[in-house]
Full PDB file with SEQRES, HELIX, SHEET, SSBOND, CRYST1, ORIGX, SCALE, CONECT and MASTER records, all heavy atoms in Angstrom:
SEQRES   1 A   42  ALA LEU ARG ALA ASP ALA GLU ARG GLU LEU ASP ALA THR          
SEQRES   2 A   42  VAL ARG PRO ASP GLU ARG LEU PRO ILE ALA VAL ASN ALA          
SEQRES   3 A   42  ASP SER LEU ALA THR TRP VAL LEU PRO ALA LEU ASP PRO          
SEQRES   4 A   42  LEU VAL GLN                                                  
HELIX    1 AA1 LEU A    2  GLU A    9  1                                   8    
HELIX    2 AA2 ALA A   26  SER A   28  1                                   3    
HELIX    3 AA3 LEU A   29  VAL A   33  3                                   5    
HELIX    4 AA4 LEU A   34  VAL A   41  1                                   8    
CRYST1    1.000    1.000    1.000  90.00  90.00  90.00 P 1           1          
ORIGX1      1.000000  0.000000  0.000000        0.00000                         
ORIGX2      0.000000  1.000000  0.000000        0.00000                         
ORIGX3      0.000000  0.000000  1.000000        0.00000                         
SCALE1      1.000000  0.000000  0.000000        0.00000                         
SCALE2      0.000000  1.000000  0.000000        0.00000                         
SCALE3      0.000000  0.000000  1.000000        0.00000                         
ATOM      1  N   ALA A   1       0.825  -1.209   0.000  1.00  0.00           N  
ATOM      2  CA  ALA A   1       0.000   0.000   0.000  1.00  0.00           C  
ATOM      3  C   ALA A   1       0.859   1.258   0.000  1.00  0.00           C  
ATOM      4  O   ALA A   1       0.561   2.226  -0.713  1.00  0.00           O  
ATOM      5  CB  ALA A   1      -0.932  -0.005   1.212  1.00  0.00           C  
ATOM      6  N   LEU A   2       1.932   1.268   0.776  1.00  0.00           N  
ATOM      7  CA  LEU A   2       2.812   2.436   0.813  1.00  0.00           C  
ATOM      8  C   LEU A   2       3.492   2.658  -0.536  1.00  0.00           C  
ATOM      9  O   LEU A   2       3.653   3.800  -0.984  1.00  0.00           O  
ATOM     10  CB  LEU A   2       3.866   2.252   1.914  1.00  0.00           C  
ATOM     11  CG  LEU A   2       3.350   2.358   3.345  1.00  0.00           C  
ATOM     12  CD1 LEU A   2       4.431   1.929   4.323  1.00  0.00           C  
ATOM     13  CD2 LEU A   2       2.886   3.779   3.646  1.00  0.00           C  
ATOM     14  N   ARG A   3       3.861   1.579  -1.198  1.00  0.00           N  
ATOM     15  CA  ARG A   3       4.492   1.723  -2.510  1.00  0.00           C  
ATOM     16  C   ARG A   3       3.494   2.271  -3.530  1.00  0.00           C  
ATOM     17  O   ARG A   3       3.838   3.116  -4.367  1.00  0.00           O  
ATOM     18  CB  ARG A   3       5.052   0.384  -2.988  1.00  0.00           C  
ATOM     19  CG  ARG A   3       5.786   0.509  -4.324  1.00  0.00           C  
ATOM     20  CD  ARG A   3       6.529  -0.751  -4.662  1.00  0.00           C  
ATOM     21  NE  ARG A   3       5.646  -1.885  -4.780  1.00  0.00           N  
ATOM     22  CZ  ARG A   3       6.079  -3.137  -4.904  1.00  0.00           C  
ATOM     23  NH1 ARG A   3       7.371  -3.392  -4.881  1.00  0.00           N  
ATOM     24  NH2 ARG A   3       5.225  -4.123  -5.034  1.00  0.00           N  
ATOM     25  N   ALA A   4       2.235   1.781  -3.442  1.00  0.00           N  
ATOM     26  CA  ALA A   4       1.216   2.310  -4.348  1.00  0.00           C  
ATOM     27  C   ALA A   4       1.018   3.801  -4.126  1.00  0.00           C  
ATOM     28  O   ALA A   4       0.849   4.570  -5.079  1.00  0.00           O  
ATOM     29  CB  ALA A   4      -0.092   1.563  -4.150  1.00  0.00           C  
ATOM     30  N   ASP A   5       1.070   4.239  -2.860  1.00  0.00           N  
ATOM     31  CA  ASP A   5       0.957   5.668  -2.561  1.00  0.00           C  
ATOM     32  C   ASP A   5       2.107   6.448  -3.189  1.00  0.00           C  
ATOM     33  O   ASP A   5       1.916   7.506  -3.788  1.00  0.00           O  
ATOM     34  CB  ASP A   5       0.954   5.898  -1.051  1.00  0.00           C  
ATOM     35  CG  ASP A   5      -0.368   5.531  -0.406  1.00  0.00           C  
ATOM     36  OD1 ASP A   5      -1.341   5.300  -1.152  1.00  0.00           O  
ATOM     37  OD2 ASP A   5      -0.421   5.478   0.827  1.00  0.00           O  
ATOM     38  N   ALA A   6       3.334   5.916  -3.014  1.00  0.00           N  
ATOM     39  CA  ALA A   6       4.502   6.615  -3.538  1.00  0.00           C  
ATOM     40  C   ALA A   6       4.442   6.711  -5.054  1.00  0.00           C  
ATOM     41  O   ALA A   6       4.742   7.772  -5.640  1.00  0.00           O  
ATOM     42  CB  ALA A   6       5.778   5.892  -3.102  1.00  0.00           C  
ATOM     43  N   GLU A   7       4.062   5.617  -5.701  1.00  0.00           N  
ATOM     44  CA  GLU A   7       3.974   5.633  -7.160  1.00  0.00           C  
ATOM     45  C   GLU A   7       2.920   6.627  -7.638  1.00  0.00           C  
ATOM     46  O   GLU A   7       3.119   7.334  -8.632  1.00  0.00           O  
ATOM     47  CB  GLU A   7       3.663   4.224  -7.673  1.00  0.00           C  
ATOM     48  CG  GLU A   7       4.818   3.257  -7.497  1.00  0.00           C  
ATOM     49  CD  GLU A   7       4.452   1.824  -7.847  1.00  0.00           C  
ATOM     50  OE1 GLU A   7       3.252   1.502  -7.852  1.00  0.00           O  
ATOM     51  OE2 GLU A   7       5.372   1.038  -8.104  1.00  0.00           O  
ATOM     52  N   ARG A   8       1.829   6.714  -6.893  1.00  0.00           N  
ATOM     53  CA  ARG A   8       0.778   7.654  -7.278  1.00  0.00           C  
ATOM     54  C   ARG A   8       1.265   9.097  -7.116  1.00  0.00           C  
ATOM     55  O   ARG A   8       1.028   9.942  -7.975  1.00  0.00           O  
ATOM     56  CB  ARG A   8      -0.475   7.408  -6.431  1.00  0.00           C  
ATOM     57  CG  ARG A   8      -1.625   8.330  -6.794  1.00  0.00           C  
ATOM     58  CD  ARG A   8      -2.875   7.982  -5.992  1.00  0.00           C  
ATOM     59  NE  ARG A   8      -3.956   8.895  -6.316  1.00  0.00           N  
ATOM     60  CZ  ARG A   8      -4.745   8.765  -7.365  1.00  0.00           C  
ATOM     61  NH1 ARG A   8      -4.578   7.751  -8.196  1.00  0.00           N  
ATOM     62  NH2 ARG A   8      -5.702   9.638  -7.599  1.00  0.00           N  
ATOM     63  N   GLU A   9       1.921   9.373  -5.988  1.00  0.00           N  
ATOM     64  CA  GLU A   9       2.395  10.732  -5.743  1.00  0.00           C  
ATOM     65  C   GLU A   9       3.488  11.143  -6.727  1.00  0.00           C  
ATOM     66  O   GLU A   9       3.644  12.318  -7.051  1.00  0.00           O  
ATOM     67  CB  GLU A   9       2.909  10.851  -4.309  1.00  0.00           C  
ATOM     68  CG  GLU A   9       1.791  10.779  -3.279  1.00  0.00           C  
ATOM     69  CD  GLU A   9       2.289  10.972  -1.868  1.00  0.00           C  
ATOM     70  OE1 GLU A   9       3.369  11.576  -1.699  1.00  0.00           O  
ATOM     71  OE2 GLU A   9       1.613  10.525  -0.920  1.00  0.00           O  
ATOM     72  N   LEU A  10       4.242  10.150  -7.205  1.00  0.00           N  
ATOM     73  CA  LEU A  10       5.287  10.434  -8.192  1.00  0.00           C  
ATOM     74  C   LEU A  10       4.752  10.377  -9.616  1.00  0.00           C  
ATOM     75  O   LEU A  10       5.514  10.478 -10.574  1.00  0.00           O  
ATOM     76  CB  LEU A  10       6.433   9.432  -8.034  1.00  0.00           C  
ATOM     77  CG  LEU A  10       7.245   9.556  -6.741  1.00  0.00           C  
ATOM     78  CD1 LEU A  10       8.191   8.377  -6.596  1.00  0.00           C  
ATOM     79  CD2 LEU A  10       8.023  10.870  -6.710  1.00  0.00           C  
ATOM     80  N   ASP A  11       3.434  10.170  -9.724  1.00  0.00           N  
ATOM     81  CA  ASP A  11       2.775  10.073 -11.025  1.00  0.00           C  
ATOM     82  C   ASP A  11       3.297   8.894 -11.822  1.00  0.00           C  
ATOM     83  O   ASP A  11       3.385   8.926 -13.051  1.00  0.00           O  
ATOM     84  CB  ASP A  11       2.936  11.370 -11.833  1.00  0.00           C  
ATOM     85  CG  ASP A  11       1.904  11.463 -12.950  1.00  0.00           C  
ATOM     86  OD1 ASP A  11       0.829  10.859 -12.796  1.00  0.00           O  
ATOM     87  OD2 ASP A  11       2.181  12.117 -13.967  1.00  0.00           O  
ATOM     88  N   ALA A  12       3.676   7.838 -11.086  1.00  0.00           N  
ATOM     89  CA  ALA A  12       4.149   6.626 -11.758  1.00  0.00           C  
ATOM     90  C   ALA A  12       2.945   5.724 -12.032  1.00  0.00           C  
ATOM     91  O   ALA A  12       1.887   5.855 -11.438  1.00  0.00           O  
ATOM     92  CB  ALA A  12       5.163   5.885 -10.878  1.00  0.00           C  
ATOM     93  N   THR A  13       3.113   4.805 -12.938  1.00  0.00           N  
ATOM     94  CA  THR A  13       2.051   3.857 -13.277  1.00  0.00           C  
ATOM     95  C   THR A  13       2.129   2.668 -12.337  1.00  0.00           C  
ATOM     96  O   THR A  13       3.169   2.033 -12.208  1.00  0.00           O  
ATOM     97  CB  THR A  13       2.204   3.360 -14.723  1.00  0.00           C  
ATOM     98  OG1 THR A  13       2.139   4.491 -15.597  1.00  0.00           O  
ATOM     99  CG2 THR A  13       1.093   2.386 -15.065  1.00  0.00           C  
ATOM    100  N   VAL A  14       1.027   2.390 -11.649  1.00  0.00           N  
ATOM    101  CA  VAL A  14       0.997   1.222 -10.770  1.00  0.00           C  
ATOM    102  C   VAL A  14       1.110  -0.034 -11.611  1.00  0.00           C  
ATOM    103  O   VAL A  14       0.414  -0.196 -12.598  1.00  0.00           O  
ATOM    104  CB  VAL A  14      -0.314   1.193  -9.950  1.00  0.00           C  
ATOM    105  CG1 VAL A  14      -0.355  -0.026  -9.046  1.00  0.00           C  
ATOM    106  CG2 VAL A  14      -0.429   2.466  -9.121  1.00  0.00           C  
ATOM    107  N   ARG A  15       2.006  -0.916 -11.242  1.00  0.00           N  
ATOM    108  CA  ARG A  15       2.268  -2.099 -12.041  1.00  0.00           C  
ATOM    109  C   ARG A  15       1.064  -3.031 -12.076  1.00  0.00           C  
ATOM    110  O   ARG A  15       0.312  -3.107 -11.116  1.00  0.00           O  
ATOM    111  CB  ARG A  15       3.484  -2.843 -11.476  1.00  0.00           C  
ATOM    112  CG  ARG A  15       4.742  -2.009 -11.526  1.00  0.00           C  
ATOM    113  CD  ARG A  15       5.895  -2.751 -10.903  1.00  0.00           C  
ATOM    114  NE  ARG A  15       5.549  -3.215  -9.568  1.00  0.00           N  
ATOM    115  CZ  ARG A  15       6.276  -4.102  -8.905  1.00  0.00           C  
ATOM    116  NH1 ARG A  15       7.339  -4.633  -9.450  1.00  0.00           N  
ATOM    117  NH2 ARG A  15       5.927  -4.470  -7.697  1.00  0.00           N  
ATOM    118  N   PRO A  16       0.872  -3.769 -13.182  1.00  0.00           N  
ATOM    119  CA  PRO A  16      -0.305  -4.620 -13.324  1.00  0.00           C  
ATOM    120  C   PRO A  16      -0.448  -5.669 -12.224  1.00  0.00           C  
ATOM    121  O   PRO A  16      -1.538  -6.131 -11.970  1.00  0.00           O  
ATOM    122  CB  PRO A  16      -0.095  -5.273 -14.689  1.00  0.00           C  
ATOM    123  CG  PRO A  16       0.762  -4.319 -15.445  1.00  0.00           C  
ATOM    124  CD  PRO A  16       1.674  -3.716 -14.421  1.00  0.00           C  
ATOM    125  N   ASP A  17       0.668  -6.076 -11.573  1.00  0.00           N  
ATOM    126  CA  ASP A  17       0.555  -7.128 -10.556  1.00  0.00           C  
ATOM    127  C   ASP A  17       0.371  -6.561  -9.158  1.00  0.00           C  
ATOM    128  O   ASP A  17       0.378  -7.302  -8.186  1.00  0.00           O  
ATOM    129  CB  ASP A  17       1.791  -8.033 -10.587  1.00  0.00           C  
ATOM    130  CG  ASP A  17       3.080  -7.279 -10.280  1.00  0.00           C  
ATOM    131  OD1 ASP A  17       3.032  -6.045 -10.190  1.00  0.00           O  
ATOM    132  OD2 ASP A  17       4.118  -7.936 -10.133  1.00  0.00           O  
ATOM    133  N   GLU A  18       0.226  -5.254  -9.016  1.00  0.00           N  
ATOM    134  CA  GLU A  18       0.102  -4.640  -7.693  1.00  0.00           C  
ATOM    135  C   GLU A  18      -1.362  -4.580  -7.285  1.00  0.00           C  
ATOM    136  O   GLU A  18      -2.056  -3.589  -7.472  1.00  0.00           O  
ATOM    137  CB  GLU A  18       0.707  -3.233  -7.712  1.00  0.00           C  
ATOM    138  CG  GLU A  18       0.932  -2.650  -6.324  1.00  0.00           C  
ATOM    139  CD  GLU A  18       1.914  -3.474  -5.518  1.00  0.00           C  
ATOM    140  OE1 GLU A  18       3.117  -3.277  -5.670  1.00  0.00           O  
ATOM    141  OE2 GLU A  18       1.455  -4.336  -4.750  1.00  0.00           O  
ATOM    142  N   ARG A  19      -1.851  -5.671  -6.718  1.00  0.00           N  
ATOM    143  CA  ARG A  19      -3.247  -5.753  -6.305  1.00  0.00           C  
ATOM    144  C   ARG A  19      -3.340  -5.477  -4.813  1.00  0.00           C  
ATOM    145  O   ARG A  19      -2.539  -5.978  -4.029  1.00  0.00           O  
ATOM    146  CB  ARG A  19      -3.811  -7.137  -6.614  1.00  0.00           C  
ATOM    147  CG  ARG A  19      -3.783  -7.483  -8.085  1.00  0.00           C  
ATOM    148  CD  ARG A  19      -4.291  -8.880  -8.345  1.00  0.00           C  
ATOM    149  NE  ARG A  19      -3.504  -9.893  -7.656  1.00  0.00           N  
ATOM    150  CZ  ARG A  19      -3.512 -11.188  -7.967  1.00  0.00           C  
ATOM    151  NH1 ARG A  19      -4.268 -11.603  -8.962  1.00  0.00           N  
ATOM    152  NH2 ARG A  19      -2.785 -12.040  -7.307  1.00  0.00           N  
ATOM    153  N   LEU A  20      -4.316  -4.683  -4.438  1.00  0.00           N  
ATOM    154  CA  LEU A  20      -4.512  -4.336  -3.037  1.00  0.00           C  
ATOM    155  C   LEU A  20      -5.740  -5.088  -2.523  1.00  0.00           C  
ATOM    156  O   LEU A  20      -6.868  -4.786  -2.919  1.00  0.00           O  
ATOM    157  CB  LEU A  20      -4.703  -2.827  -2.892  1.00  0.00           C  
ATOM    158  CG  LEU A  20      -3.531  -1.986  -3.412  1.00  0.00           C  
ATOM    159  CD1 LEU A  20      -3.851  -0.505  -3.296  1.00  0.00           C  
ATOM    160  CD2 LEU A  20      -2.254  -2.319  -2.659  1.00  0.00           C  
ATOM    161  N   PRO A  21      -5.550  -6.074  -1.646  1.00  0.00           N  
ATOM    162  CA  PRO A  21      -6.676  -6.917  -1.219  1.00  0.00           C  
ATOM    163  C   PRO A  21      -7.457  -6.312  -0.059  1.00  0.00           C  
ATOM    164  O   PRO A  21      -6.887  -5.846   0.930  1.00  0.00           O  
ATOM    165  CB  PRO A  21      -5.985  -8.214  -0.786  1.00  0.00           C  
ATOM    166  CG  PRO A  21      -4.635  -7.769  -0.304  1.00  0.00           C  
ATOM    167  CD  PRO A  21      -4.266  -6.572  -1.132  1.00  0.00           C  
ATOM    168  N   ILE A  22      -8.781  -6.320  -0.168  1.00  0.00           N  
ATOM    169  CA  ILE A  22      -9.657  -5.966   0.935  1.00  0.00           C  
ATOM    170  C   ILE A  22     -10.753  -7.023   1.013  1.00  0.00           C  
ATOM    171  O   ILE A  22     -11.119  -7.620   0.004  1.00  0.00           O  
ATOM    172  CB  ILE A  22     -10.258  -4.555   0.806  1.00  0.00           C  
ATOM    173  CG1 ILE A  22     -11.158  -4.447  -0.421  1.00  0.00           C  
ATOM    174  CG2 ILE A  22      -9.164  -3.505   0.761  1.00  0.00           C  
ATOM    175  CD1 ILE A  22     -11.900  -3.129  -0.502  1.00  0.00           C  
ATOM    176  N   ALA A  23     -11.260  -7.259   2.219  1.00  0.00           N  
ATOM    177  CA  ALA A  23     -12.280  -8.291   2.433  1.00  0.00           C  
ATOM    178  C   ALA A  23     -13.633  -7.633   2.664  1.00  0.00           C  
ATOM    179  O   ALA A  23     -13.752  -6.687   3.451  1.00  0.00           O  
ATOM    180  CB  ALA A  23     -11.909  -9.171   3.628  1.00  0.00           C  
ATOM    181  N   VAL A  24     -14.653  -8.148   1.995  1.00  0.00           N  
ATOM    182  CA  VAL A  24     -16.011  -7.629   2.144  1.00  0.00           C  
ATOM    183  C   VAL A  24     -16.979  -8.803   2.245  1.00  0.00           C  
ATOM    184  O   VAL A  24     -16.682  -9.910   1.803  1.00  0.00           O  
ATOM    185  CB  VAL A  24     -16.410  -6.719   0.961  1.00  0.00           C  
ATOM    186  CG1 VAL A  24     -15.459  -5.537   0.840  1.00  0.00           C  
ATOM    187  CG2 VAL A  24     -16.439  -7.504  -0.344  1.00  0.00           C  
ATOM    188  N   ASN A  25     -18.136  -8.546   2.818  1.00  0.00           N  
ATOM    189  CA  ASN A  25     -19.158  -9.587   2.861  1.00  0.00           C  
ATOM    190  C   ASN A  25     -19.970  -9.575   1.571  1.00  0.00           C  
ATOM    191  O   ASN A  25     -20.061  -8.563   0.876  1.00  0.00           O  
ATOM    192  CB  ASN A  25     -20.059  -9.412   4.075  1.00  0.00           C  
ATOM    193  CG  ASN A  25     -20.755  -8.063   4.104  1.00  0.00           C  
ATOM    194  OD1 ASN A  25     -20.105  -7.032   4.001  1.00  0.00           O  
ATOM    195  ND2 ASN A  25     -22.064  -8.065   4.239  1.00  0.00           N  
ATOM    196  N   ALA A  26     -20.556 -10.707   1.251  1.00  0.00           N  
ATOM    197  CA  ALA A  26     -21.229 -10.876  -0.038  1.00  0.00           C  
ATOM    198  C   ALA A  26     -22.402  -9.917  -0.209  1.00  0.00           C  
ATOM    199  O   ALA A  26     -22.628  -9.391  -1.302  1.00  0.00           O  
ATOM    200  CB  ALA A  26     -21.708 -12.322  -0.185  1.00  0.00           C  
ATOM    201  N   ASP A  27     -23.164  -9.675   0.857  1.00  0.00           N  
ATOM    202  CA  ASP A  27     -24.327  -8.800   0.723  1.00  0.00           C  
ATOM    203  C   ASP A  27     -23.924  -7.354   0.462  1.00  0.00           C  
ATOM    204  O   ASP A  27     -24.595  -6.646  -0.296  1.00  0.00           O  
ATOM    205  CB  ASP A  27     -25.202  -8.899   1.972  1.00  0.00           C  
ATOM    206  CG  ASP A  27     -25.928 -10.227   2.066  1.00  0.00           C  
ATOM    207  OD1 ASP A  27     -26.095 -10.883   1.023  1.00  0.00           O  
ATOM    208  OD2 ASP A  27     -26.321 -10.617   3.184  1.00  0.00           O  
ATOM    209  N   SER A  28     -22.845  -6.910   1.078  1.00  0.00           N  
ATOM    210  CA  SER A  28     -22.355  -5.560   0.789  1.00  0.00           C  
ATOM    211  C   SER A  28     -21.851  -5.483  -0.644  1.00  0.00           C  
ATOM    212  O   SER A  28     -22.081  -4.487  -1.342  1.00  0.00           O  
ATOM    213  CB  SER A  28     -21.236  -5.177   1.765  1.00  0.00           C  
ATOM    214  OG  SER A  28     -21.739  -4.986   3.069  1.00  0.00           O  
ATOM    215  N   LEU A  29     -21.177  -6.535  -1.086  1.00  0.00           N  
ATOM    216  CA  LEU A  29     -20.682  -6.559  -2.466  1.00  0.00           C  
ATOM    217  C   LEU A  29     -21.838  -6.495  -3.452  1.00  0.00           C  
ATOM    218  O   LEU A  29     -21.746  -5.852  -4.500  1.00  0.00           O  
ATOM    219  CB  LEU A  29     -19.863  -7.828  -2.691  1.00  0.00           C  
ATOM    220  CG  LEU A  29     -19.133  -7.948  -4.032  1.00  0.00           C  
ATOM    221  CD1 LEU A  29     -18.106  -6.849  -4.209  1.00  0.00           C  
ATOM    222  CD2 LEU A  29     -18.472  -9.312  -4.154  1.00  0.00           C  
ATOM    223  N   ALA A  30     -22.954  -7.128  -3.120  1.00  0.00           N  
ATOM    224  CA  ALA A  30     -24.100  -7.185  -4.026  1.00  0.00           C  
ATOM    225  C   ALA A  30     -24.940  -5.913  -4.002  1.00  0.00           C  
ATOM    226  O   ALA A  30     -25.809  -5.742  -4.859  1.00  0.00           O  
ATOM    227  CB  ALA A  30     -24.986  -8.383  -3.671  1.00  0.00           C  
ATOM    228  N   THR A  31     -24.683  -5.022  -3.039  1.00  0.00           N  
ATOM    229  CA  THR A  31     -25.544  -3.839  -2.912  1.00  0.00           C  
ATOM    230  C   THR A  31     -24.785  -2.529  -3.102  1.00  0.00           C  
ATOM    231  O   THR A  31     -25.033  -1.801  -4.055  1.00  0.00           O  
ATOM    232  CB  THR A  31     -26.259  -3.844  -1.547  1.00  0.00           C  
ATOM    233  OG1 THR A  31     -25.307  -4.053  -0.490  1.00  0.00           O  
ATOM    234  CG2 THR A  31     -27.307  -4.954  -1.492  1.00  0.00           C  
ATOM    235  N   TRP A  32     -23.827  -2.218  -2.230  1.00  0.00           N  
ATOM    236  CA  TRP A  32     -23.273  -0.861  -2.253  1.00  0.00           C  
ATOM    237  C   TRP A  32     -21.766  -0.768  -2.502  1.00  0.00           C  
ATOM    238  O   TRP A  32     -21.270   0.310  -2.853  1.00  0.00           O  
ATOM    239  CB  TRP A  32     -23.592  -0.158  -0.930  1.00  0.00           C  
ATOM    240  CG  TRP A  32     -23.019  -0.830   0.285  1.00  0.00           C  
ATOM    241  CD1 TRP A  32     -23.609  -1.785   1.048  1.00  0.00           C  
ATOM    242  CD2 TRP A  32     -21.734  -0.612   0.870  1.00  0.00           C  
ATOM    243  NE1 TRP A  32     -22.774  -2.195   2.070  1.00  0.00           N  
ATOM    244  CE2 TRP A  32     -21.628  -1.471   1.990  1.00  0.00           C  
ATOM    245  CE3 TRP A  32     -20.668   0.238   0.579  1.00  0.00           C  
ATOM    246  CZ2 TRP A  32     -20.500  -1.511   2.803  1.00  0.00           C  
ATOM    247  CZ3 TRP A  32     -19.535   0.209   1.389  1.00  0.00           C  
ATOM    248  CH2 TRP A  32     -19.459  -0.670   2.484  1.00  0.00           C  
ATOM    249  N   VAL A  33     -21.016  -1.852  -2.350  1.00  0.00           N  
ATOM    250  CA  VAL A  33     -19.554  -1.768  -2.437  1.00  0.00           C  
ATOM    251  C   VAL A  33     -19.070  -1.411  -3.839  1.00  0.00           C  
ATOM    252  O   VAL A  33     -18.199  -0.544  -4.015  1.00  0.00           O  
ATOM    253  CB  VAL A  33     -18.896  -3.074  -1.942  1.00  0.00           C  
ATOM    254  CG1 VAL A  33     -17.424  -3.148  -2.375  1.00  0.00           C  
ATOM    255  CG2 VAL A  33     -18.972  -3.160  -0.419  1.00  0.00           C  
ATOM    256  N   LEU A  34     -19.595  -2.093  -4.862  1.00  0.00           N  
ATOM    257  CA  LEU A  34     -19.107  -1.820  -6.221  1.00  0.00           C  
ATOM    258  C   LEU A  34     -19.371  -0.375  -6.644  1.00  0.00           C  
ATOM    259  O   LEU A  34     -18.459   0.287  -7.158  1.00  0.00           O  
ATOM    260  CB  LEU A  34     -19.724  -2.807  -7.209  1.00  0.00           C  
ATOM    261  CG  LEU A  34     -19.263  -4.263  -7.077  1.00  0.00           C  
ATOM    262  CD1 LEU A  34     -19.896  -5.105  -8.182  1.00  0.00           C  
ATOM    263  CD2 LEU A  34     -17.750  -4.385  -7.127  1.00  0.00           C  
ATOM    264  N   PRO A  35     -20.580   0.173  -6.470  1.00  0.00           N  
ATOM    265  CA  PRO A  35     -20.766   1.592  -6.811  1.00  0.00           C  
ATOM    266  C   PRO A  35     -19.861   2.523  -6.012  1.00  0.00           C  
ATOM    267  O   PRO A  35     -19.381   3.538  -6.537  1.00  0.00           O  
ATOM    268  CB  PRO A  35     -22.244   1.838  -6.483  1.00  0.00           C  
ATOM    269  CG  PRO A  35     -22.885   0.501  -6.571  1.00  0.00           C  
ATOM    270  CD  PRO A  35     -21.850  -0.471  -6.091  1.00  0.00           C  
ATOM    271  N   ALA A  36     -19.605   2.174  -4.743  1.00  0.00           N  
ATOM    272  CA  ALA A  36     -18.750   3.029  -3.927  1.00  0.00           C  
ATOM    273  C   ALA A  36     -17.313   3.063  -4.441  1.00  0.00           C  
ATOM    274  O   ALA A  36     -16.667   4.114  -4.453  1.00  0.00           O  
ATOM    275  CB  ALA A  36     -18.776   2.538  -2.474  1.00  0.00           C  
ATOM    276  N   LEU A  37     -16.818   1.920  -4.881  1.00  0.00           N  
ATOM    277  CA  LEU A  37     -15.425   1.819  -5.313  1.00  0.00           C  
ATOM    278  C   LEU A  37     -15.221   2.127  -6.790  1.00  0.00           C  
ATOM    279  O   LEU A  37     -14.083   2.276  -7.242  1.00  0.00           O  
ATOM    280  CB  LEU A  37     -14.880   0.421  -5.013  1.00  0.00           C  
ATOM    281  CG  LEU A  37     -14.753   0.049  -3.534  1.00  0.00           C  
ATOM    282  CD1 LEU A  37     -14.310  -1.402  -3.399  1.00  0.00           C  
ATOM    283  CD2 LEU A  37     -13.770   0.977  -2.816  1.00  0.00           C  
ATOM    284  N   ASP A  38     -16.305   2.206  -7.538  1.00  0.00           N  
ATOM    285  CA  ASP A  38     -16.187   2.375  -8.985  1.00  0.00           C  
ATOM    286  C   ASP A  38     -15.332   3.579  -9.400  1.00  0.00           C  
ATOM    287  O   ASP A  38     -14.489   3.443 -10.297  1.00  0.00           O  
ATOM    288  CB  ASP A  38     -17.575   2.467  -9.618  1.00  0.00           C  
ATOM    289  CG  ASP A  38     -17.501   2.567 -11.127  1.00  0.00           C  
ATOM    290  OD1 ASP A  38     -16.972   1.632 -11.754  1.00  0.00           O  
ATOM    291  OD2 ASP A  38     -17.965   3.580 -11.686  1.00  0.00           O  
ATOM    292  N   PRO A  39     -15.480   4.767  -8.792  1.00  0.00           N  
ATOM    293  CA  PRO A  39     -14.629   5.884  -9.210  1.00  0.00           C  
ATOM    294  C   PRO A  39     -13.136   5.601  -9.041  1.00  0.00           C  
ATOM    295  O   PRO A  39     -12.318   6.024  -9.870  1.00  0.00           O  
ATOM    296  CB  PRO A  39     -15.083   7.038  -8.306  1.00  0.00           C  
ATOM    297  CG  PRO A  39     -16.480   6.693  -7.938  1.00  0.00           C  
ATOM    298  CD  PRO A  39     -16.486   5.198  -7.807  1.00  0.00           C  
ATOM    299  N   LEU A  40     -12.765   4.871  -7.995  1.00  0.00           N  
ATOM    300  CA  LEU A  40     -11.355   4.547  -7.769  1.00  0.00           C  
ATOM    301  C   LEU A  40     -10.855   3.550  -8.807  1.00  0.00           C  
ATOM    302  O   LEU A  40      -9.736   3.662  -9.301  1.00  0.00           O  
ATOM    303  CB  LEU A  40     -11.153   3.983  -6.363  1.00  0.00           C  
ATOM    304  CG  LEU A  40     -11.584   4.860  -5.191  1.00  0.00           C  
ATOM    305  CD1 LEU A  40     -11.227   4.194  -3.879  1.00  0.00           C  
ATOM    306  CD2 LEU A  40     -10.952   6.234  -5.280  1.00  0.00           C  
ATOM    307  N   VAL A  41     -11.683   2.560  -9.114  1.00  0.00           N  
ATOM    308  CA  VAL A  41     -11.300   1.565 -10.116  1.00  0.00           C  
ATOM    309  C   VAL A  41     -11.177   2.223 -11.483  1.00  0.00           C  
ATOM    310  O   VAL A  41     -10.226   1.951 -12.240  1.00  0.00           O  
ATOM    311  CB  VAL A  41     -12.325   0.414 -10.147  1.00  0.00           C  
ATOM    312  CG1 VAL A  41     -12.044  -0.542 -11.307  1.00  0.00           C  
ATOM    313  CG2 VAL A  41     -12.299  -0.352  -8.822  1.00  0.00           C  
ATOM    314  N   GLN A  42     -12.114   3.098 -11.814  1.00  0.00           N  
ATOM    315  CA  GLN A  42     -12.037   3.800 -13.100  1.00  0.00           C  
ATOM    316  C   GLN A  42     -10.804   4.690 -13.174  1.00  0.00           C  
ATOM    317  O   GLN A  42     -10.286   4.962 -14.266  1.00  0.00           O  
ATOM    318  CB  GLN A  42     -13.303   4.638 -13.321  1.00  0.00           C  
ATOM    319  CG  GLN A  42     -14.597   3.851 -13.377  1.00  0.00           C  
ATOM    320  CD  GLN A  42     -14.621   2.826 -14.510  1.00  0.00           C  
ATOM    321  OE1 GLN A  42     -13.918   2.956 -15.508  1.00  0.00           O  
ATOM    322  NE2 GLN A  42     -15.434   1.784 -14.347  1.00  0.00           N  
TER     323      GLN A  42                                                      
MASTER        0    0    0    4    0    0    0    6  322    1    0    4          
END                                                                             
């Protein structure tokens, strides 16, 4: 996570294998999580 921050602040491209894992419950995923995170993913 810290490296992703540094790359972002340096305007570097986050590497394709740099995945940031978070855990969510299925009902939240089916209702509000995807719309909430969509701007960040885009």
